[in-house]
Amino acid sequence: MSAPRRFETEGRPEITVRVRVRYAECDPMNVAHHSVYPVWLEIARTELLREQGLAYRDLEASGVLLVVARMNLRYKKPALYDDEITVRCIVLPSAGVKIEHAYEVHREGVLLATAETTLVCVDKTGKMHPVPASLLE
């Protein structure tokens, strides 16, 4: 995994990270298994948070947890063993107890998948909690 590239779209935080498809992520036909896409999305989401000056580890230490409440993935073309893919992640307008993201997974400009997630902010007991202002800025 190489260093992320950060850029803004319409004033919203966005990042692109590169990931190489590993052998362990593939089926016998060298196609990336559908179950690894959520992992790649999390890599992008976590790096975006880090680029905004926040580490998820620090959020957890402060008692703020973000749980995935919804994920929608659309697979368009397969990613293959040893492909270098890019995962773009953008923060969508969010408020209250949730943060929403949109994603695109590409290989050399070819769209492989799109996704959206909704993360809900909870405390350590699992009770919903307003998203800290620092995450919504």
C-alpha atoms as a PDB file:
ATOM      1  CA  MET A   1       0.000   0.000   0.000  1.00  0.00           C
ATOM      2  CA  SER A   2       1.445   3.345  -1.002  1.00  0.00           C
ATOM      3  CA  ALA A   3       0.912   6.750   0.534  1.00  0.00           C
ATOM      4  CA  PRO A   4      -2.541   8.246   0.024  1.00  0.00           C
ATOM      5  CA  ARG A   5      -3.202  11.220  -2.231  1.00  0.00           C
ATOM      6  CA  ARG A   6      -5.610  13.731  -0.690  1.00  0.00           C
ATOM      7  CA  PHE A   7      -7.746  16.187  -2.634  1.00  0.00           C
ATOM      8  CA  GLU A   8     -10.999  18.118  -2.223  1.00  0.00           C
ATOM      9  CA  THR A   9     -14.193  17.833  -4.278  1.00  0.00           C
ATOM     10  CA  GLU A  10     -16.670  20.684  -3.906  1.00  0.00           C
ATOM     11  CA  GLY A  11     -15.099  21.492  -0.553  1.00  0.00           C
ATOM     12  CA  ARG A  12     -15.670  17.995   0.823  1.00  0.00           C
ATOM     13  CA  PRO A  13     -12.756  15.948   2.152  1.00  0.00           C
ATOM     14  CA  GLU A  14     -11.695  13.231  -0.266  1.00  0.00           C
ATOM     15  CA  ILE A  15      -8.787  10.835  -0.566  1.00  0.00           C
ATOM     16  CA  THR A  16      -7.445   8.268  -2.991  1.00  0.00           C
ATOM     17  CA  VAL A  17      -5.372   5.344  -1.702  1.00  0.00           C
ATOM     18  CA  ARG A  18      -3.579   2.682  -3.689  1.00  0.00           C
ATOM     19  CA  VAL A  19      -3.800  -0.968  -2.774  1.00  0.00           C
ATOM     20  CA  ARG A  20      -2.211  -3.983  -4.460  1.00  0.00           C
ATOM     21  CA  VAL A  21      -4.520  -7.012  -4.670  1.00  0.00           C
ATOM     22  CA  ARG A  22      -2.820  -9.744  -2.635  1.00  0.00           C
ATOM     23  CA  TYR A  23      -2.881 -13.451  -3.446  1.00  0.00           C
ATOM     24  CA  ALA A  24      -4.677 -14.269  -0.176  1.00  0.00           C
ATOM     25  CA  GLU A  25      -7.556 -11.998  -1.236  1.00  0.00           C
ATOM     26  CA  CYS A  26      -8.288 -13.972  -4.403  1.00  0.00           C
ATOM     27  CA  ASP A  27     -10.279 -17.024  -5.370  1.00  0.00           C
ATOM     28  CA  PRO A  28      -8.753 -19.894  -7.428  1.00  0.00           C
ATOM     29  CA  MET A  29      -9.326 -17.868 -10.632  1.00  0.00           C
ATOM     30  CA  ASN A  30      -7.177 -14.992  -9.256  1.00  0.00           C
ATOM     31  CA  VAL A  31     -10.235 -12.745  -8.873  1.00  0.00           C
ATOM     32  CA  ALA A  32     -10.397 -10.631  -5.720  1.00  0.00           C
ATOM     33  CA  HIS A  33     -13.082 -12.068  -3.446  1.00  0.00           C
ATOM     34  CA  HIS A  34     -16.078  -9.812  -2.820  1.00  0.00           C
ATOM     35  CA  SER A  35     -15.389  -9.877   0.926  1.00  0.00           C
ATOM     36  CA  VAL A  36     -12.158  -7.857   0.628  1.00  0.00           C
ATOM     37  CA  TYR A  37     -13.784  -4.777  -0.863  1.00  0.00           C
ATOM     38  CA  PRO A  38     -15.123  -3.615   2.542  1.00  0.00           C
ATOM     39  CA  VAL A  39     -11.561  -3.907   3.884  1.00  0.00           C
ATOM     40  CA  TRP A  40     -10.286  -1.678   1.074  1.00  0.00           C
ATOM     41  CA  LEU A  41     -13.056   0.831   1.804  1.00  0.00           C
ATOM     42  CA  GLU A  42     -12.022   0.889   5.457  1.00  0.00           C
ATOM     43  CA  ILE A  43      -8.402   1.528   4.493  1.00  0.00           C
ATOM     44  CA  ALA A  44      -9.481   4.593   2.500  1.00  0.00           C
ATOM     45  CA  ARG A  45     -11.877   5.822   5.203  1.00  0.00           C
ATOM     46  CA  THR A  46      -9.247   5.460   7.938  1.00  0.00           C
ATOM     47  CA  GLU A  47      -6.574   7.230   5.875  1.00  0.00           C
ATOM     48  CA  LEU A  48      -8.994  10.069   5.127  1.00  0.00           C
ATOM     49  CA  LEU A  49      -9.580  10.504   8.843  1.00  0.00           C
ATOM     50  CA  ARG A  50      -5.817  10.486   9.434  1.00  0.00           C
ATOM     51  CA  GLU A  51      -5.312  13.122   6.704  1.00  0.00           C
ATOM     52  CA  GLN A  52      -7.843  15.299   8.541  1.00  0.00           C
ATOM     53  CA  GLY A  53      -5.579  15.168  11.594  1.00  0.00           C
ATOM     54  CA  LEU A  54      -7.497  12.504  13.521  1.00  0.00           C
ATOM     55  CA  ALA A  55      -6.515   8.913  14.227  1.00  0.00           C
ATOM     56  CA  TYR A  56      -9.274   6.389  14.816  1.00  0.00           C
ATOM     57  CA  ARG A  57      -7.254   5.058  17.745  1.00  0.00           C
ATOM     58  CA  ASP A  58      -7.490   8.484  19.408  1.00  0.00           C
ATOM     59  CA  LEU A  59     -11.265   8.654  18.794  1.00  0.00           C
ATOM     60  CA  GLU A  60     -11.703   5.286  20.496  1.00  0.00           C
ATOM     61  CA  ALA A  61      -9.505   6.355  23.399  1.00  0.00           C
ATOM     62  CA  SER A  62     -11.766   9.390  23.885  1.00  0.00           C
ATOM     63  CA  GLY A  63     -14.842   7.137  24.006  1.00  0.00           C
ATOM     64  CA  VAL A  64     -16.076   7.811  20.473  1.00  0.00           C
ATOM     65  CA  LEU A  65     -16.728   4.757  18.297  1.00  0.00           C
ATOM     66  CA  LEU A  66     -17.884   4.693  14.682  1.00  0.00           C
ATOM     67  CA  VAL A  67     -19.807   1.586  13.666  1.00  0.00           C
ATOM     68  CA  VAL A  68     -20.850   0.652  10.144  1.00  0.00           C
ATOM     69  CA  ALA A  69     -24.643   0.724  10.113  1.00  0.00           C
ATOM     70  CA  ARG A  70     -25.088   0.429   6.341  1.00  0.00           C
ATOM     71  CA  MET A  71     -22.922  -0.582   3.409  1.00  0.00           C
ATOM     72  CA  ASN A  72     -23.958  -0.728  -0.211  1.00  0.00           C
ATOM     73  CA  LEU A  73     -21.517  -2.182  -2.752  1.00  0.00           C
ATOM     74  CA  ARG A  74     -21.958  -2.534  -6.502  1.00  0.00           C
ATOM     75  CA  TYR A  75     -19.459  -4.734  -8.289  1.00  0.00           C
ATOM     76  CA  LYS A  76     -18.949  -3.792 -11.928  1.00  0.00           C
ATOM     77  CA  LYS A  77     -15.728  -5.501 -13.037  1.00  0.00           C
ATOM     78  CA  PRO A  78     -13.333  -7.835 -11.211  1.00  0.00           C
ATOM     79  CA  ALA A  79     -10.100  -6.848  -9.544  1.00  0.00           C
ATOM     80  CA  LEU A  80      -7.406  -9.449 -10.188  1.00  0.00           C
ATOM     81  CA  TYR A  81      -4.386 -10.758  -8.334  1.00  0.00           C
ATOM     82  CA  ASP A  82      -1.505  -8.249  -8.333  1.00  0.00           C
ATOM     83  CA  ASP A  83      -3.606  -5.404  -9.752  1.00  0.00           C
ATOM     84  CA  GLU A  84      -2.818  -2.016  -8.320  1.00  0.00           C
ATOM     85  CA  ILE A  85      -6.186  -0.484  -7.570  1.00  0.00           C
ATOM     86  CA  THR A  86      -7.193   2.929  -6.305  1.00  0.00           C
ATOM     87  CA  VAL A  87      -9.944   3.499  -3.784  1.00  0.00           C
ATOM     88  CA  ARG A  88     -11.480   6.971  -3.726  1.00  0.00           C
ATOM     89  CA  CYS A  89     -13.409   7.986  -0.629  1.00  0.00           C
ATOM     90  CA  ILE A  90     -15.394  11.188  -0.121  1.00  0.00           C
ATOM     91  CA  VAL A  91     -17.268  12.398   2.933  1.00  0.00           C
ATOM     92  CA  LEU A  92     -20.873  13.183   2.062  1.00  0.00           C
ATOM     93  CA  PRO A  93     -22.841  15.889   3.877  1.00  0.00           C
ATOM     94  CA  SER A  94     -23.508  14.422   7.326  1.00  0.00           C
ATOM     95  CA  ALA A  95     -25.080  15.480  10.600  1.00  0.00           C
ATOM     96  CA  GLY A  96     -26.495  14.184  13.852  1.00  0.00           C
ATOM     97  CA  VAL A  97     -25.183  10.749  14.797  1.00  0.00           C
ATOM     98  CA  LYS A  98     -24.044   9.603  11.346  1.00  0.00           C
ATOM     99  CA  ILE A  99     -21.276  10.134   8.824  1.00  0.00           C
ATOM    100  CA  GLU A 100     -21.746   9.037   5.232  1.00  0.00           C
ATOM    101  CA  HIS A 101     -19.097   8.214   2.634  1.00  0.00           C
ATOM    102  CA  ALA A 102     -19.084   7.375  -1.069  1.00  0.00           C
ATOM    103  CA  TYR A 103     -16.380   5.309  -2.788  1.00  0.00           C
ATOM    104  CA  GLU A 104     -15.088   4.324  -6.204  1.00  0.00           C
ATOM    105  CA  VAL A 105     -12.657   1.474  -6.823  1.00  0.00           C
ATOM    106  CA  HIS A 106     -10.609   1.782 -10.048  1.00  0.00           C
ATOM    107  CA  ARG A 107      -7.888  -0.092 -11.917  1.00  0.00           C
ATOM    108  CA  GLU A 108      -6.028   2.108 -14.397  1.00  0.00           C
ATOM    109  CA  GLY A 109      -9.069   4.321 -14.865  1.00  0.00           C
ATOM    110  CA  VAL A 110     -11.558   1.442 -15.176  1.00  0.00           C
ATOM    111  CA  LEU A 111     -14.368   1.570 -12.626  1.00  0.00           C
ATOM    112  CA  LEU A 112     -14.502  -1.750 -10.740  1.00  0.00           C
ATOM    113  CA  ALA A 113     -16.963  -0.951  -7.954  1.00  0.00           C
ATOM    114  CA  THR A 114     -18.914   1.803  -6.231  1.00  0.00           C
ATOM    115  CA  ALA A 115     -20.002   1.894  -2.621  1.00  0.00           C
ATOM    116  CA  GLU A 116     -21.630   3.953   0.099  1.00  0.00           C
ATOM    117  CA  THR A 117     -21.420   3.570   3.860  1.00  0.00           C
ATOM    118  CA  THR A 118     -23.199   5.085   6.816  1.00  0.00           C
ATOM    119  CA  LEU A 119     -21.255   5.157  10.066  1.00  0.00           C
ATOM    120  CA  VAL A 120     -23.059   5.784  13.337  1.00  0.00           C
ATOM    121  CA  CYS A 121     -21.331   7.389  16.301  1.00  0.00           C
ATOM    122  CA  VAL A 122     -21.758   5.530  19.582  1.00  0.00           C
ATOM    123  CA  ASP A 123     -20.185   5.614  23.018  1.00  0.00           C
ATOM    124  CA  LYS A 124     -18.481   2.634  24.666  1.00  0.00           C
ATOM    125  CA  THR A 125     -21.842   1.296  25.881  1.00  0.00           C
ATOM    126  CA  GLY A 126     -23.233   1.295  22.344  1.00  0.00           C
ATOM    127  CA  LYS A 127     -25.531   4.275  22.916  1.00  0.00           C
ATOM    128  CA  MET A 128     -25.795   6.634  19.930  1.00  0.00           C
ATOM    129  CA  HIS A 129     -23.900   9.847  20.384  1.00  0.00           C
ATOM    130  CA  PRO A 130     -23.728  13.028  18.264  1.00  0.00           C
ATOM    131  CA  VAL A 131     -20.783  13.042  15.904  1.00  0.00           C
ATOM    132  CA  PRO A 132     -18.053  15.278  17.375  1.00  0.00           C
ATOM    133  CA  ALA A 133     -17.854  18.644  15.587  1.00  0.00           C
ATOM    134  CA  SER A 134     -14.203  17.915  14.701  1.00  0.00           C
ATOM    135  CA  LEU A 135     -15.396  15.080  12.434  1.00  0.00           C
ATOM    136  CA  LEU A 136     -18.012  17.176  10.670  1.00  0.00           C
ATOM    137  CA  GLU A 137     -15.733  20.122   9.860  1.00  0.00           C
END
